[in-house]
Amino acid sequence: MGSHPVNLGLRFALEMAALLALGVWGSRQGEGVLSVVMALGVPIFAAALWGTFAVPGDPSRSGKAPVPVAGIIRLVYEIVFFSFATWALFNMGNAALGLAFGVVVIIHYVLSYDRVKWLVRQ
């Protein structure tokens, strides 16, 4: 189910929503130039890590890994990435949105149990 087109679409939507949440959170961490730097820098840094460190042959990605990592490392990064985005929503005072986002992320990973098992084995 992890590579089903609907689930891959959900994953992409979650990734974009997480980057948006990180950008908004970053913009609220300072004033003036710092606000802009954080608004752009936090999501760009997170996206760079997301795209750089991958498991070779991951069926939910292109299969290419610019910097190959073990599956468990990738899984931990994904958990940290989505947890940070969830926390950012809570930290900005939007508990309902944070809770909803976190629940949808959990549902996605439950539906992607085959990919999670694959990552743990790599």
Protein backbone atom coordinates (compact mmCIF):
# COMPACT_ATOMS: atom_id res chain seq x y z
CA MET A 1 0.00 0.00 0.00
CA GLY A 2 2.99 2.30 0.55
CA SER A 3 3.50 2.78 -3.19
CA HIS A 4 -0.19 3.08 -4.10
CA PRO A 5 -0.70 6.32 -6.09
CA VAL A 6 -3.29 7.66 -3.63
CA ASN A 7 -0.98 7.05 -0.68
CA LEU A 8 1.95 8.59 -2.56
CA GLY A 9 -0.25 11.63 -3.25
CA LEU A 10 -1.10 11.84 0.44
CA ARG A 11 2.58 11.60 1.32
CA PHE A 12 3.42 14.42 -1.10
CA ALA A 13 0.63 16.58 0.36
CA LEU A 14 1.93 15.88 3.88
CA GLU A 15 5.46 16.82 2.83
CA MET A 16 4.28 20.12 1.33
CA ALA A 17 2.09 20.89 4.36
CA ALA A 18 5.02 20.15 6.68
CA LEU A 19 7.30 22.48 4.72
CA LEU A 20 4.64 25.19 4.82
CA ALA A 21 4.22 24.75 8.58
CA LEU A 22 7.99 24.94 9.07
CA GLY A 23 8.16 28.10 6.96
CA VAL A 24 5.38 29.83 8.87
CA TRP A 25 6.91 28.73 12.17
CA GLY A 26 10.31 29.98 11.03
CA SER A 27 8.86 33.37 10.08
CA ARG A 28 7.56 33.80 13.61
CA GLN A 29 10.92 33.14 15.24
CA GLY A 30 12.35 36.58 14.67
CA GLU A 31 11.73 40.04 13.33
CA GLY A 32 12.81 41.76 10.16
CA VAL A 33 15.51 40.01 8.16
CA LEU A 34 15.75 37.14 10.65
CA SER A 35 12.08 36.39 10.09
CA VAL A 36 12.63 36.10 6.33
CA VAL A 37 15.80 34.05 6.74
CA MET A 38 14.05 31.61 9.08
CA ALA A 39 10.90 31.47 6.91
CA LEU A 40 12.98 30.39 3.94
CA GLY A 41 15.87 28.67 5.65
CA VAL A 42 14.05 26.18 7.87
CA PRO A 43 11.95 24.56 5.12
CA ILE A 44 14.80 24.70 2.58
CA PHE A 45 17.13 22.96 5.03
CA ALA A 46 14.50 20.32 5.84
CA ALA A 47 13.73 19.75 2.14
CA ALA A 48 17.43 19.49 1.32
CA LEU A 49 17.87 16.78 3.92
CA TRP A 50 14.70 15.04 2.70
CA GLY A 51 15.95 14.91 -0.87
CA THR A 52 19.59 14.15 -0.14
CA PHE A 53 19.54 11.27 2.33
CA ALA A 54 17.65 8.31 0.92
CA VAL A 55 17.62 4.54 0.81
CA PRO A 56 18.74 3.14 -2.54
CA GLY A 57 15.82 1.51 -4.33
CA ASP A 58 13.12 3.08 -2.15
CA PRO A 59 9.93 2.25 -4.09
CA SER A 60 8.18 5.39 -2.83
CA ARG A 61 10.89 7.58 -4.35
CA SER A 62 12.76 7.59 -7.63
CA GLY A 63 15.00 4.82 -6.30
CA LYS A 64 17.99 7.13 -6.50
CA ALA A 65 19.87 8.08 -3.39
CA PRO A 66 22.28 11.05 -3.64
CA VAL A 67 23.59 10.08 -0.20
CA PRO A 68 22.64 6.49 0.59
CA VAL A 69 21.58 5.78 4.18
CA ALA A 70 20.22 2.77 6.01
CA GLY A 71 16.44 2.39 6.04
CA ILE A 72 16.15 2.93 9.77
CA ILE A 73 18.07 6.21 9.47
CA ARG A 74 15.66 7.38 6.77
CA LEU A 75 12.66 6.33 8.84
CA VAL A 76 13.96 8.20 11.88
CA TYR A 77 14.53 11.32 9.75
CA GLU A 78 10.97 11.14 8.41
CA ILE A 79 9.60 10.77 11.93
CA VAL A 80 11.65 13.75 13.13
CA PHE A 81 10.61 15.83 10.10
CA PHE A 82 6.88 15.23 10.56
CA SER A 83 7.13 15.51 14.35
CA PHE A 84 8.87 18.88 14.03
CA ALA A 85 6.14 20.11 11.68
CA THR A 86 3.45 18.86 14.08
CA TRP A 87 5.19 20.50 17.02
CA ALA A 88 5.55 23.75 15.03
CA LEU A 89 1.78 23.85 14.51
CA PHE A 90 1.21 23.34 18.25
CA ASN A 91 3.91 25.89 19.08
CA MET A 92 2.15 28.51 16.94
CA GLY A 93 -1.00 28.01 19.00
CA ASN A 94 -2.90 25.89 16.54
CA ALA A 95 -3.44 22.72 18.54
CA ALA A 96 -6.39 21.50 16.44
CA LEU A 97 -4.42 21.75 13.21
CA GLY A 98 -1.37 20.19 14.85
CA LEU A 99 -3.43 17.29 16.13
CA ALA A 100 -5.14 16.78 12.78
CA PHE A 101 -1.82 16.88 10.92
CA GLY A 102 -0.22 14.44 13.35
CA VAL A 103 -3.13 12.02 13.08
CA VAL A 104 -3.04 12.10 9.27
CA VAL A 105 0.73 11.44 9.34
CA ILE A 106 0.15 8.43 11.61
CA ILE A 107 -2.60 7.15 9.32
CA HIS A 108 -0.26 7.53 6.35
CA TYR A 109 2.45 5.46 8.05
CA VAL A 110 -0.06 2.81 9.12
CA LEU A 111 -1.23 2.56 5.51
CA SER A 112 2.43 2.41 4.44
CA TYR A 113 3.22 -0.52 6.73
CA ASP A 114 4.86 -2.38 3.84
CA ARG A 115 7.26 0.51 3.21
CA VAL A 116 7.99 0.87 6.93
CA LYS A 117 8.84 -2.84 7.13
CA TRP A 118 11.02 -2.48 4.02
CA LEU A 119 12.86 0.49 5.52
CA VAL A 120 13.54 -1.34 8.78
CA ARG A 121 14.99 -4.29 6.85
CA GLN A 122 17.34 -2.17 4.73
